[in-house]
C-alpha atoms as a PDB file:
ATOM      1  CA  MET A   1     -45.951  13.294  64.904  1.00  0.00           C
ATOM      2  CA  PRO A   2     -46.253  16.217  62.466  1.00  0.00           C
ATOM      3  CA  ARG A   3     -47.388  15.644  58.922  1.00  0.00           C
ATOM      4  CA  ILE A   4     -45.115  17.132  56.242  1.00  0.00           C
ATOM      5  CA  SER A   5     -46.641  18.467  53.045  1.00  0.00           C
ATOM      6  CA  PRO A   6     -45.399  20.289  49.969  1.00  0.00           C
ATOM      7  CA  VAL A   7     -46.963  23.626  49.117  1.00  0.00           C
ATOM      8  CA  CYS A   8     -49.513  22.748  46.413  1.00  0.00           C
ATOM      9  CA  HIS A   9     -50.599  25.457  43.946  1.00  0.00           C
ATOM     10  CA  ILE A  10     -53.598  25.368  41.626  1.00  0.00           C
ATOM     11  CA  ILE A  11     -51.626  27.105  38.835  1.00  0.00           C
ATOM     12  CA  PRO A  12     -48.338  25.354  37.927  1.00  0.00           C
ATOM     13  CA  SER A  13     -45.376  27.693  37.493  1.00  0.00           C
ATOM     14  CA  LYS A  14     -44.922  26.415  33.940  1.00  0.00           C
ATOM     15  CA  VAL A  15     -48.376  27.792  33.082  1.00  0.00           C
ATOM     16  CA  LEU A  16     -47.489  31.222  34.459  1.00  0.00           C
ATOM     17  CA  ARG A  17     -44.211  31.201  32.523  1.00  0.00           C
ATOM     18  CA  HIS A  18     -45.945  30.080  29.328  1.00  0.00           C
ATOM     19  CA  LEU A  19     -48.354  33.002  29.607  1.00  0.00           C
ATOM     20  CA  ALA A  20     -45.528  35.398  30.458  1.00  0.00           C
ATOM     21  CA  ASP A  21     -43.728  34.417  27.249  1.00  0.00           C
ATOM     22  CA  ARG A  22     -46.713  35.657  25.226  1.00  0.00           C
ATOM     23  CA  SER A  23     -47.224  38.825  27.276  1.00  0.00           C
ATOM     24  CA  GLU A  24     -45.504  42.178  27.479  1.00  0.00           C
ATOM     25  CA  GLY A  25     -44.837  44.985  29.924  1.00  0.00           C
ATOM     26  CA  ALA A  26     -46.548  45.021  33.302  1.00  0.00           C
ATOM     27  CA  GLN A  27     -48.627  41.940  32.541  1.00  0.00           C
ATOM     28  CA  ARG A  28     -45.494  39.913  31.787  1.00  0.00           C
ATOM     29  CA  SER A  29     -43.877  41.158  34.996  1.00  0.00           C
ATOM     30  CA  ARG A  30     -46.901  40.201  37.094  1.00  0.00           C
ATOM     31  CA  LEU A  31     -46.934  36.674  35.673  1.00  0.00           C
ATOM     32  CA  LEU A  32     -43.203  36.193  36.210  1.00  0.00           C
ATOM     33  CA  ASP A  33     -43.453  37.571  39.740  1.00  0.00           C
ATOM     34  CA  SER A  34     -46.244  35.091  40.472  1.00  0.00           C
ATOM     35  CA  ALA A  35     -44.178  32.242  39.018  1.00  0.00           C
ATOM     36  CA  LEU A  36     -41.125  33.174  41.084  1.00  0.00           C
ATOM     37  CA  LEU A  37     -43.140  33.508  44.283  1.00  0.00           C
ATOM     38  CA  SER A  38     -44.898  30.196  43.617  1.00  0.00           C
ATOM     39  CA  GLU A  39     -41.552  28.470  43.052  1.00  0.00           C
ATOM     40  CA  HIS A  40     -40.110  30.035  46.201  1.00  0.00           C
ATOM     41  CA  LEU A  41     -43.069  28.843  48.256  1.00  0.00           C
ATOM     42  CA  ARG A  42     -42.838  25.403  46.650  1.00  0.00           C
ATOM     43  CA  GLY A  43     -39.402  25.086  48.248  1.00  0.00           C
ATOM     44  CA  HIS A  44     -40.966  25.266  51.688  1.00  0.00           C
ATOM     45  CA  ARG A  45     -42.519  22.226  53.300  1.00  0.00           C
ATOM     46  CA  ALA A  46     -45.131  22.819  55.962  1.00  0.00           C
ATOM     47  CA  ALA A  47     -45.423  20.754  59.126  1.00  0.00           C
ATOM     48  CA  ARG A  48     -48.178  21.120  61.680  1.00  0.00           C
ATOM     49  CA  SER A  49     -48.762  19.053  64.798  1.00  0.00           C
ATOM     50  CA  LEU A  50     -52.059  17.179  64.973  1.00  0.00           C
ATOM     51  CA  MET A  51     -52.499  18.361  68.548  1.00  0.00           C
ATOM     52  CA  MET A  52     -52.014  21.998  67.578  1.00  0.00           C
ATOM     53  CA  ILE A  53     -54.788  21.944  64.996  1.00  0.00           C
ATOM     54  CA  ALA A  54     -57.269  19.628  66.699  1.00  0.00           C
ATOM     55  CA  ASN A  55     -60.689  21.078  67.417  1.00  0.00           C
ATOM     56  CA  VAL A  56     -63.937  19.863  68.946  1.00  0.00           C
ATOM     57  CA  THR A  57     -65.173  16.842  66.999  1.00  0.00           C
ATOM     58  CA  GLY A  58     -67.920  17.599  64.517  1.00  0.00           C
ATOM     59  CA  GLU A  59     -67.770  21.388  64.671  1.00  0.00           C
ATOM     60  CA  LYS A  60     -67.089  23.481  61.590  1.00  0.00           C
ATOM     61  CA  ASN A  61     -64.685  26.300  62.476  1.00  0.00           C
ATOM     62  CA  ARG A  62     -63.618  28.717  59.742  1.00  0.00           C
ATOM     63  CA  SER A  63     -61.404  31.771  60.132  1.00  0.00           C
ATOM     64  CA  ILE A  64     -60.667  34.175  57.268  1.00  0.00           C
ATOM     65  CA  TYR A  65     -57.641  36.490  57.495  1.00  0.00           C
ATOM     66  CA  ASP A  66     -56.671  39.446  55.293  1.00  0.00           C
ATOM     67  CA  CYS A  67     -52.998  39.484  54.236  1.00  0.00           C
ATOM     68  CA  ASN A  68     -53.434  43.061  52.951  1.00  0.00           C
ATOM     69  CA  ARG A  69     -51.471  42.165  49.792  1.00  0.00           C
ATOM     70  CA  ARG A  70     -48.357  41.097  51.670  1.00  0.00           C
ATOM     71  CA  SER A  71     -46.646  37.840  50.712  1.00  0.00           C
ATOM     72  CA  PRO A  72     -44.663  36.355  53.612  1.00  0.00           C
ATOM     73  CA  ALA A  73     -43.568  32.715  53.425  1.00  0.00           C
ATOM     74  CA  SER A  74     -45.826  32.011  56.413  1.00  0.00           C
ATOM     75  CA  PRO A  75     -49.087  33.908  55.752  1.00  0.00           C
ATOM     76  CA  THR A  76     -50.249  36.312  58.432  1.00  0.00           C
ATOM     77  CA  GLY A  77     -53.105  38.782  58.518  1.00  0.00           C
ATOM     78  CA  LYS A  78     -55.975  40.357  60.367  1.00  0.00           C
ATOM     79  CA  LEU A  79     -58.957  38.171  61.263  1.00  0.00           C
ATOM     80  CA  VAL A  80     -61.869  39.539  59.224  1.00  0.00           C
ATOM     81  CA  ARG A  81     -64.525  36.827  59.528  1.00  0.00           C
ATOM     82  CA  ALA A  82     -64.895  34.004  62.043  1.00  0.00           C
ATOM     83  CA  GLU A  83     -67.244  31.031  62.163  1.00  0.00           C
ATOM     84  CA  GLY A  84     -70.858  32.075  62.522  1.00  0.00           C
ATOM     85  CA  ALA A  85     -70.292  35.734  61.654  1.00  0.00           C
ATOM     86  CA  GLY A  86     -72.385  37.291  58.890  1.00  0.00           C
ATOM     87  CA  ASP A  87     -71.275  38.521  55.480  1.00  0.00           C
ATOM     88  CA  VAL A  88     -68.757  41.343  55.362  1.00  0.00           C
ATOM     89  CA  SER A  89     -68.284  44.012  52.701  1.00  0.00           C
ATOM     90  CA  ASP A  90     -65.285  42.207  51.184  1.00  0.00           C
ATOM     91  CA  VAL A  91     -66.639  39.793  48.540  1.00  0.00           C
ATOM     92  CA  THR A  92     -63.452  37.688  48.491  1.00  0.00           C
ATOM     93  CA  VAL A  93     -63.700  37.084  52.235  1.00  0.00           C
ATOM     94  CA  ASN A  94     -67.277  35.840  51.845  1.00  0.00           C
ATOM     95  CA  GLN A  95     -66.324  33.640  48.896  1.00  0.00           C
ATOM     96  CA  ALA A  96     -63.510  31.990  50.852  1.00  0.00           C
ATOM     97  CA  TYR A  97     -65.819  31.476  53.827  1.00  0.00           C
ATOM     98  CA  ASP A  98     -68.556  29.906  51.686  1.00  0.00           C
ATOM     99  CA  SER A  99     -66.257  27.731  49.554  1.00  0.00           C
ATOM    100  CA  THR A 100     -64.349  26.280  52.490  1.00  0.00           C
ATOM    101  CA  GLY A 101     -67.672  25.697  54.250  1.00  0.00           C
ATOM    102  CA  SER A 102     -69.138  23.808  51.308  1.00  0.00           C
ATOM    103  CA  THR A 103     -66.034  21.637  51.079  1.00  0.00           C
ATOM    104  CA  TYR A 104     -66.217  20.867  54.797  1.00  0.00           C
ATOM    105  CA  GLU A 105     -69.911  19.998  54.493  1.00  0.00           C
ATOM    106  CA  PHE A 106     -69.284  17.630  51.577  1.00  0.00           C
ATOM    107  CA  TYR A 107     -66.626  15.692  53.441  1.00  0.00           C
ATOM    108  CA  SER A 108     -68.759  15.633  56.584  1.00  0.00           C
ATOM    109  CA  SER A 109     -72.124  14.664  55.120  1.00  0.00           C
ATOM    110  CA  VAL A 110     -71.019  12.449  52.219  1.00  0.00           C
ATOM    111  CA  LEU A 111     -67.850  10.817  53.539  1.00  0.00           C
ATOM    112  CA  ALA A 112     -68.351  11.174  57.323  1.00  0.00           C
ATOM    113  CA  ARG A 113     -64.991  12.941  57.613  1.00  0.00           C
ATOM    114  CA  ASN A 114     -64.374  15.344  60.487  1.00  0.00           C
ATOM    115  CA  SER A 115     -62.646  18.190  58.620  1.00  0.00           C
ATOM    116  CA  ILE A 116     -59.400  17.956  56.652  1.00  0.00           C
ATOM    117  CA  ASP A 117     -57.459  15.791  59.098  1.00  0.00           C
ATOM    118  CA  ASN A 118     -60.533  13.839  60.317  1.00  0.00           C
ATOM    119  CA  ARG A 119     -59.848  15.231  63.796  1.00  0.00           C
ATOM    120  CA  GLY A 120     -61.733  18.527  63.600  1.00  0.00           C
ATOM    121  CA  MET A 121     -59.014  20.688  62.041  1.00  0.00           C
ATOM    122  CA  ARG A 122     -59.808  24.412  62.017  1.00  0.00           C
ATOM    123  CA  LEU A 123     -60.117  25.809  58.488  1.00  0.00           C
ATOM    124  CA  ASP A 124     -57.927  28.901  58.241  1.00  0.00           C
ATOM    125  CA  SER A 125     -57.898  30.897  55.001  1.00  0.00           C
ATOM    126  CA  PHE A 126     -55.759  33.885  54.049  1.00  0.00           C
ATOM    127  CA  VAL A 127     -57.063  36.178  51.300  1.00  0.00           C
ATOM    128  CA  HIS A 128     -55.488  39.078  49.376  1.00  0.00           C
ATOM    129  CA  TYR A 129     -52.102  37.359  49.496  1.00  0.00           C
ATOM    130  CA  GLY A 130     -49.459  39.279  47.555  1.00  0.00           C
ATOM    131  CA  ARG A 131     -49.998  41.986  44.979  1.00  0.00           C
ATOM    132  CA  ASN A 132     -51.662  40.679  41.799  1.00  0.00           C
ATOM    133  CA  PHE A 133     -50.618  37.166  42.841  1.00  0.00           C
ATOM    134  CA  ASN A 134     -51.865  34.721  40.213  1.00  0.00           C
ATOM    135  CA  ASN A 135     -52.309  31.645  42.367  1.00  0.00           C
ATOM    136  CA  ALA A 136     -53.942  29.913  45.316  1.00  0.00           C
ATOM    137  CA  PHE A 137     -52.403  27.176  47.409  1.00  0.00           C
ATOM    138  CA  TRP A 138     -52.588  24.779  50.330  1.00  0.00           C
ATOM    139  CA  ASP A 139     -49.413  25.079  52.416  1.00  0.00           C
ATOM    140  CA  GLY A 140     -49.890  22.027  54.602  1.00  0.00           C
ATOM    141  CA  SER A 141     -52.081  23.702  57.200  1.00  0.00           C
ATOM    142  CA  GLU A 142     -54.147  26.485  55.626  1.00  0.00           C
ATOM    143  CA  MET A 143     -55.585  27.926  52.403  1.00  0.00           C
ATOM    144  CA  VAL A 144     -54.013  30.980  50.791  1.00  0.00           C
ATOM    145  CA  PHE A 145     -55.647  33.001  47.998  1.00  0.00           C
ATOM    146  CA  GLY A 146     -54.130  35.526  45.638  1.00  0.00           C
ATOM    147  CA  ASP A 147     -56.396  38.023  43.901  1.00  0.00           C
ATOM    148  CA  GLY A 148     -55.118  37.421  40.374  1.00  0.00           C
ATOM    149  CA  ASP A 149     -54.133  40.311  38.144  1.00  0.00           C
ATOM    150  CA  GLY A 150     -57.681  40.856  36.854  1.00  0.00           C
ATOM    151  CA  GLN A 151     -56.657  40.064  33.284  1.00  0.00           C
ATOM    152  CA  MET A 152     -55.012  36.660  33.023  1.00  0.00           C
ATOM    153  CA  PHE A 153     -56.463  35.300  36.255  1.00  0.00           C
ATOM    154  CA  LEU A 154     -59.455  36.440  38.263  1.00  0.00           C
ATOM    155  CA  GLY A 155     -60.318  35.732  41.904  1.00  0.00           C
ATOM    156  CA  PHE A 156     -59.597  32.183  43.085  1.00  0.00           C
ATOM    157  CA  ALA A 157     -61.813  32.041  46.172  1.00  0.00           C
ATOM    158  CA  MET A 158     -65.004  32.151  44.102  1.00  0.00           C
ATOM    159  CA  ALA A 159     -64.290  28.815  42.373  1.00  0.00           C
ATOM    160  CA  LEU A 160     -65.555  25.995  44.580  1.00  0.00           C
ATOM    161  CA  ASP A 161     -63.693  23.313  42.619  1.00  0.00           C
ATOM    162  CA  VAL A 162     -60.421  25.217  43.054  1.00  0.00           C
ATOM    163  CA  VAL A 163     -60.946  25.574  46.808  1.00  0.00           C
ATOM    164  CA  ALA A 164     -62.008  21.931  47.188  1.00  0.00           C
ATOM    165  CA  HIS A 165     -59.007  20.886  45.067  1.00  0.00           C
ATOM    166  CA  GLU A 166     -56.596  22.647  47.397  1.00  0.00           C
ATOM    167  CA  LEU A 167     -58.250  21.476  50.615  1.00  0.00           C
ATOM    168  CA  THR A 168     -58.200  17.921  49.267  1.00  0.00           C
ATOM    169  CA  HIS A 169     -54.408  18.106  49.213  1.00  0.00           C
ATOM    170  CA  GLY A 170     -54.808  18.264  52.982  1.00  0.00           C
ATOM    171  CA  VAL A 171     -57.175  15.283  52.980  1.00  0.00           C
ATOM    172  CA  THR A 172     -54.634  13.277  50.978  1.00  0.00           C
ATOM    173  CA  GLN A 173     -51.875  14.462  53.311  1.00  0.00           C
ATOM    174  CA  TYR A 174     -53.717  13.038  56.327  1.00  0.00           C
ATOM    175  CA  SER A 175     -55.317   9.971  54.699  1.00  0.00           C
ATOM    176  CA  THR A 176     -52.402   8.264  52.955  1.00  0.00           C
ATOM    177  CA  PRO A 177     -49.598   6.772  55.053  1.00  0.00           C
ATOM    178  CA  GLY A 178     -46.943   9.505  55.052  1.00  0.00           C
ATOM    179  CA  GLY A 179     -48.673  11.405  52.232  1.00  0.00           C
ATOM    180  CA  LEU A 180     -48.041  10.950  48.492  1.00  0.00           C
ATOM    181  CA  ASP A 181     -44.578  11.954  47.264  1.00  0.00           C
ATOM    182  CA  TYR A 182     -44.940  15.041  45.092  1.00  0.00           C
ATOM    183  CA  GLN A 183     -43.117  13.695  42.051  1.00  0.00           C
ATOM    184  CA  ASP A 184     -43.538  11.158  39.262  1.00  0.00           C
ATOM    185  CA  GLN A 185     -46.736   9.045  39.329  1.00  0.00           C
ATOM    186  CA  SER A 186     -47.391   9.515  43.049  1.00  0.00           C
ATOM    187  CA  GLY A 187     -47.262  13.288  42.550  1.00  0.00           C
ATOM    188  CA  ALA A 188     -49.602  13.048  39.569  1.00  0.00           C
ATOM    189  CA  LEU A 189     -51.963  10.942  41.706  1.00  0.00           C
ATOM    190  CA  ASN A 190     -51.811  13.643  44.394  1.00  0.00           C
ATOM    191  CA  GLU A 191     -52.926  16.256  41.860  1.00  0.00           C
ATOM    192  CA  SER A 192     -55.503  13.947  40.298  1.00  0.00           C
ATOM    193  CA  ILE A 193     -57.141  13.153  43.642  1.00  0.00           C
ATOM    194  CA  SER A 194     -57.504  16.878  44.230  1.00  0.00           C
ATOM    195  CA  ASP A 195     -59.045  17.390  40.797  1.00  0.00           C
ATOM    196  CA  VAL A 196     -61.392  14.440  41.409  1.00  0.00           C
ATOM    197  CA  PHE A 197     -62.774  15.824  44.632  1.00  0.00           C
ATOM    198  CA  GLY A 198     -62.684  19.405  43.392  1.00  0.00           C
ATOM    199  CA  SER A 199     -65.037  18.391  40.605  1.00  0.00           C
ATOM    200  CA  VAL A 200     -67.169  16.121  42.794  1.00  0.00           C
ATOM    201  CA  VAL A 201     -67.671  18.798  45.458  1.00  0.00           C
ATOM    202  CA  LYS A 202     -68.818  21.235  42.767  1.00  0.00           C
ATOM    203  CA  GLN A 203     -71.206  18.648  41.321  1.00  0.00           C
ATOM    204  CA  TRP A 204     -72.539  17.864  44.801  1.00  0.00           C
ATOM    205  CA  LYS A 205     -73.144  21.529  45.541  1.00  0.00           C
ATOM    206  CA  LEU A 206     -74.978  21.943  42.225  1.00  0.00           C
ATOM    207  CA  ASN A 207     -76.804  18.611  42.686  1.00  0.00           C
ATOM    208  CA  GLN A 208     -75.563  17.561  39.249  1.00  0.00           C
ATOM    209  CA  ALA A 209     -75.535  13.999  37.982  1.00  0.00           C
ATOM    210  CA  ALA A 210     -72.235  12.821  36.508  1.00  0.00           C
ATOM    211  CA  LYS A 211     -73.644  12.928  32.985  1.00  0.00           C
ATOM    212  CA  ASP A 212     -74.641  16.581  33.368  1.00  0.00           C
ATOM    213  CA  ALA A 213     -71.378  17.921  34.835  1.00  0.00           C
ATOM    214  CA  ASP A 214     -68.819  19.874  32.811  1.00  0.00           C
ATOM    215  CA  TRP A 215     -65.858  18.028  34.436  1.00  0.00           C
ATOM    216  CA  LEU A 216     -63.735  21.153  34.070  1.00  0.00           C
ATOM    217  CA  ILE A 217     -61.283  22.356  36.703  1.00  0.00           C
ATOM    218  CA  GLY A 218     -60.927  26.102  37.218  1.00  0.00           C
ATOM    219  CA  ALA A 219     -63.711  27.291  34.939  1.00  0.00           C
ATOM    220  CA  GLY A 220     -64.287  30.958  35.750  1.00  0.00           C
ATOM    221  CA  ILE A 221     -60.857  31.857  37.134  1.00  0.00           C
ATOM    222  CA  LEU A 222     -59.202  32.466  33.753  1.00  0.00           C
ATOM    223  CA  GLY A 223     -59.473  35.732  31.906  1.00  0.00           C
ATOM    224  CA  ASP A 224     -60.792  35.781  28.343  1.00  0.00           C
ATOM    225  CA  LYS A 225     -57.221  36.108  27.032  1.00  0.00           C
ATOM    226  CA  VAL A 226     -56.264  32.765  28.558  1.00  0.00           C
ATOM    227  CA  GLY A 227     -59.152  30.368  27.974  1.00  0.00           C
ATOM    228  CA  HIS A 228     -62.058  28.592  29.625  1.00  0.00           C
ATOM    229  CA  ALA A 229     -60.566  26.282  32.269  1.00  0.00           C
ATOM    230  CA  LEU A 230     -57.294  24.800  33.515  1.00  0.00           C
ATOM    231  CA  ARG A 231     -58.054  21.138  32.864  1.00  0.00           C
ATOM    232  CA  SER A 232     -60.770  18.768  31.642  1.00  0.00           C
ATOM    233  CA  MET A 233     -61.280  15.394  33.283  1.00  0.00           C
ATOM    234  CA  LYS A 234     -63.671  14.417  30.520  1.00  0.00           C
ATOM    235  CA  ASP A 235     -61.265  15.218  27.691  1.00  0.00           C
ATOM    236  CA  PRO A 236     -57.727  15.943  28.962  1.00  0.00           C
ATOM    237  CA  GLY A 237     -55.635  18.009  26.574  1.00  0.00           C
ATOM    238  CA  ASN A 238     -58.612  19.360  24.600  1.00  0.00           C
ATOM    239  CA  ARG A 239     -57.529  22.975  24.238  1.00  0.00           C
ATOM    240  CA  ASP A 240     -60.860  23.990  22.756  1.00  0.00           C
ATOM    241  CA  VAL A 241     -62.491  23.528  26.168  1.00  0.00           C
ATOM    242  CA  THR A 242     -59.535  24.453  28.386  1.00  0.00           C
ATOM    243  CA  TRP A 243     -56.666  26.725  27.287  1.00  0.00           C
ATOM    244  CA  GLU A 244     -54.011  26.871  24.584  1.00  0.00           C
ATOM    245  CA  GLY A 245     -51.220  25.300  26.647  1.00  0.00           C
ATOM    246  CA  ASP A 246     -53.137  22.298  27.994  1.00  0.00           C
ATOM    247  CA  ASP A 247     -50.725  19.348  27.656  1.00  0.00           C
ATOM    248  CA  GLN A 248     -52.515  16.683  29.676  1.00  0.00           C
ATOM    249  CA  PRO A 249     -52.556  13.141  28.267  1.00  0.00           C
ATOM    250  CA  SER A 250     -55.661  10.984  28.689  1.00  0.00           C
ATOM    251  CA  THR A 251     -53.976   7.567  28.395  1.00  0.00           C
ATOM    252  CA  MET A 252     -50.617   5.969  29.198  1.00  0.00           C
ATOM    253  CA  ASP A 253     -49.725   6.096  25.502  1.00  0.00           C
ATOM    254  CA  LYS A 254     -48.850   9.769  25.994  1.00  0.00           C
ATOM    255  CA  TYR A 255     -47.503   9.620  29.539  1.00  0.00           C
ATOM    256  CA  VAL A 256     -44.677  12.158  29.940  1.00  0.00           C
ATOM    257  CA  GLU A 257     -41.738  10.479  31.658  1.00  0.00           C
ATOM    258  CA  GLY A 258     -40.444  12.857  34.320  1.00  0.00           C
ATOM    259  CA  GLY A 259     -43.195  15.300  33.380  1.00  0.00           C
ATOM    260  CA  ASP A 260     -44.973  17.837  35.539  1.00  0.00           C
ATOM    261  CA  VAL A 261     -47.365  16.277  38.037  1.00  0.00           C
ATOM    262  CA  HIS A 262     -50.192  18.509  36.791  1.00  0.00           C
ATOM    263  CA  THR A 263     -49.629  17.173  33.278  1.00  0.00           C
ATOM    264  CA  ASN A 264     -49.660  13.431  33.961  1.00  0.00           C
ATOM    265  CA  SER A 265     -52.548  13.758  36.415  1.00  0.00           C
ATOM    266  CA  GLY A 266     -54.829  13.804  33.376  1.00  0.00           C
ATOM    267  CA  ILE A 267     -54.556  10.012  33.104  1.00  0.00           C
ATOM    268  CA  PRO A 268     -55.937   8.983  36.535  1.00  0.00           C
ATOM    269  CA  SER A 269     -58.383  11.904  36.449  1.00  0.00           C
ATOM    270  CA  HIS A 270     -59.799  10.627  33.161  1.00  0.00           C
ATOM    271  CA  ALA A 271     -60.056   7.148  34.702  1.00  0.00           C
ATOM    272  CA  PHE A 272     -62.227   8.596  37.470  1.00  0.00           C
ATOM    273  CA  TYR A 273     -64.452  10.350  34.928  1.00  0.00           C
ATOM    274  CA  LEU A 274     -64.887   7.093  32.996  1.00  0.00           C
ATOM    275  CA  ALA A 275     -65.644   5.180  36.207  1.00  0.00           C
ATOM    276  CA  ALA A 276     -68.206   7.751  37.339  1.00  0.00           C
ATOM    277  CA  MET A 277     -69.932   7.640  33.972  1.00  0.00           C
ATOM    278  CA  ALA A 278     -69.982   3.832  33.949  1.00  0.00           C
ATOM    279  CA  LEU A 279     -71.353   3.695  37.500  1.00  0.00           C
ATOM    280  CA  GLY A 280     -74.020   6.272  36.635  1.00  0.00           C
ATOM    281  CA  GLY A 281     -76.048   8.568  38.850  1.00  0.00           C
ATOM    282  CA  ASN A 282     -74.160  11.021  41.041  1.00  0.00           C
ATOM    283  CA  SER A 283     -70.378  10.892  41.144  1.00  0.00           C
ATOM    284  CA  TRP A 284     -70.403  11.094  44.939  1.00  0.00           C
ATOM    285  CA  ASP A 285     -72.678   8.081  45.445  1.00  0.00           C
ATOM    286  CA  LYS A 286     -70.189   5.398  44.424  1.00  0.00           C
ATOM    287  CA  ALA A 287     -67.165   6.639  42.466  1.00  0.00           C
ATOM    288  CA  ALA A 288     -66.035   9.258  45.002  1.00  0.00           C
ATOM    289  CA  LYS A 289     -66.557   6.867  47.915  1.00  0.00           C
ATOM    290  CA  ILE A 290     -64.432   4.246  46.169  1.00  0.00           C
ATOM    291  CA  TRP A 291     -61.595   6.697  45.501  1.00  0.00           C
ATOM    292  CA  TYR A 292     -61.799   8.060  49.056  1.00  0.00           C
ATOM    293  CA  GLN A 293     -61.713   4.642  50.707  1.00  0.00           C
ATOM    294  CA  ALA A 294     -58.710   3.707  48.553  1.00  0.00           C
ATOM    295  CA  LEU A 295     -56.562   6.544  49.942  1.00  0.00           C
ATOM    296  CA  PRO A 296     -55.308   4.697  53.046  1.00  0.00           C
ATOM    297  CA  LEU A 297     -54.183   1.832  50.778  1.00  0.00           C
ATOM    298  CA  LEU A 298     -51.730   4.025  48.869  1.00  0.00           C
ATOM    299  CA  LYS A 299     -48.082   4.172  49.874  1.00  0.00           C
ATOM    300  CA  SER A 300     -46.089   7.381  49.514  1.00  0.00           C
ATOM    301  CA  ASN A 301     -44.588   6.252  46.182  1.00  0.00           C
ATOM    302  CA  ALA A 302     -47.820   4.803  44.789  1.00  0.00           C
ATOM    303  CA  THR A 303     -48.075   4.323  41.034  1.00  0.00           C
ATOM    304  CA  PHE A 304     -51.122   4.605  38.800  1.00  0.00           C
ATOM    305  CA  ALA A 305     -51.351   0.809  38.830  1.00  0.00           C
ATOM    306  CA  ASP A 306     -51.347   0.830  42.632  1.00  0.00           C
ATOM    307  CA  ALA A 307     -54.234   3.306  42.649  1.00  0.00           C
ATOM    308  CA  ALA A 308     -56.086   1.274  40.030  1.00  0.00           C
ATOM    309  CA  ASN A 309     -55.768  -1.964  41.987  1.00  0.00           C
ATOM    310  CA  ALA A 310     -56.760  -0.237  45.234  1.00  0.00           C
ATOM    311  CA  THR A 311     -59.921   1.269  43.733  1.00  0.00           C
ATOM    312  CA  VAL A 312     -60.895  -2.004  42.057  1.00  0.00           C
ATOM    313  CA  ASP A 313     -60.458  -3.809  45.377  1.00  0.00           C
ATOM    314  CA  VAL A 314     -62.496  -1.208  47.301  1.00  0.00           C
ATOM    315  CA  ALA A 315     -65.251  -1.265  44.671  1.00  0.00           C
ATOM    316  CA  SER A 316     -65.521  -5.039  44.996  1.00  0.00           C
ATOM    317  CA  ARG A 317     -65.564  -5.071  48.803  1.00  0.00           C
ATOM    318  CA  THR A 318     -67.835  -2.035  49.235  1.00  0.00           C
ATOM    319  CA  PHE A 319     -70.317  -2.494  46.407  1.00  0.00           C
ATOM    320  CA  GLY A 320     -69.911  -5.638  44.301  1.00  0.00           C
ATOM    321  CA  SER A 321     -68.656  -7.211  41.107  1.00  0.00           C
ATOM    322  CA  ALA A 322     -70.532  -4.881  38.743  1.00  0.00           C
ATOM    323  CA  GLU A 323     -68.965  -1.815  40.325  1.00  0.00           C
ATOM    324  CA  SER A 324     -65.562  -3.481  40.445  1.00  0.00           C
ATOM    325  CA  ASP A 325     -65.815  -4.289  36.729  1.00  0.00           C
ATOM    326  CA  ALA A 326     -66.802  -0.688  35.958  1.00  0.00           C
ATOM    327  CA  VAL A 327     -63.785   0.697  37.821  1.00  0.00           C
ATOM    328  CA  LYS A 328     -61.429  -1.852  36.266  1.00  0.00           C
ATOM    329  CA  GLY A 329     -62.801  -1.013  32.847  1.00  0.00           C
ATOM    330  CA  ALA A 330     -62.143   2.681  33.392  1.00  0.00           C
ATOM    331  CA  TRP A 331     -58.493   2.056  34.265  1.00  0.00           C
ATOM    332  CA  ALA A 332     -58.226  -0.265  31.264  1.00  0.00           C
ATOM    333  CA  GLN A 333     -59.497   2.482  28.948  1.00  0.00           C
ATOM    334  CA  VAL A 334     -56.678   4.771  30.045  1.00  0.00           C
ATOM    335  CA  LYS A 335     -54.303   1.805  29.589  1.00  0.00           C
ATOM    336  CA  VAL A 336     -53.150   1.536  33.187  1.00  0.00           C
ATOM    337  CA  LEU A 337     -54.695  -1.929  33.541  1.00  0.00           C
ATOM    338  CA  LYS A 338     -55.210  -4.543  30.861  1.00  0.00           C
END
């Protein structure tokens, strides 16, 4: 039975259009082209058979392909680095290889997961997608990286949290019954879960305690003209630490009815930050394990309250009352639970 997934981009089209409105000439055209291509790809839904992508259990298997700046709906390209091969002269290829490898290793060593689908899925990545394409995405079966235009957005493959964010869309796709609908609160949960594990994977790689992490998503991929990061889990909507158009709410008081899934994801993402801080230590020791084990409990139309109750239940069963109280308190602070 194939799993169906929306194409999930790290940069929402509304962000690209916002930046285009304040730009001129070629820069404006590049941003609008990226927005149009992202929207076109969003209209496609990718399905891949579990049997087609199964690999030998427990083996990491990465393949990096060069799209040579073409942008077909189904990415194709020349194989430029396979599993076990050494560095090549193309920095972006090496970055994609390393970032996907680190994400695989986190899921394997911390959560005992056998690749994205938990069945040994091969990790295929396509780099140099499109010309000046300002985005990166998971299309339901593989990672695709644009190069950015070098001004508004820089390379995407170098940002581990961005790569882990996108690959986590695949984890969610294969861990929740039927996947999470990409709209309303279930869509915002989909994006939040990817931000959660994007940040946690980066912290794990840096061996950073929760209190020492920056909790930013996409730091390093924005040009100086845009800002510092896409989102902040610590302080959603704080444009001083992210960028001028950041519209994420941190509590249900400012929930945007019918709003973009990337916008409302700030609420459950902030709940995870608060839970990780309350639990202390490393975010991957307890908080990430709780969120991960809650995934199979979420239906396709799950609400924030459903996710809150699932994580509270998992915390109680896996760790104990103190951890359950910490998780419940985090969801209460963002006003999802009372």
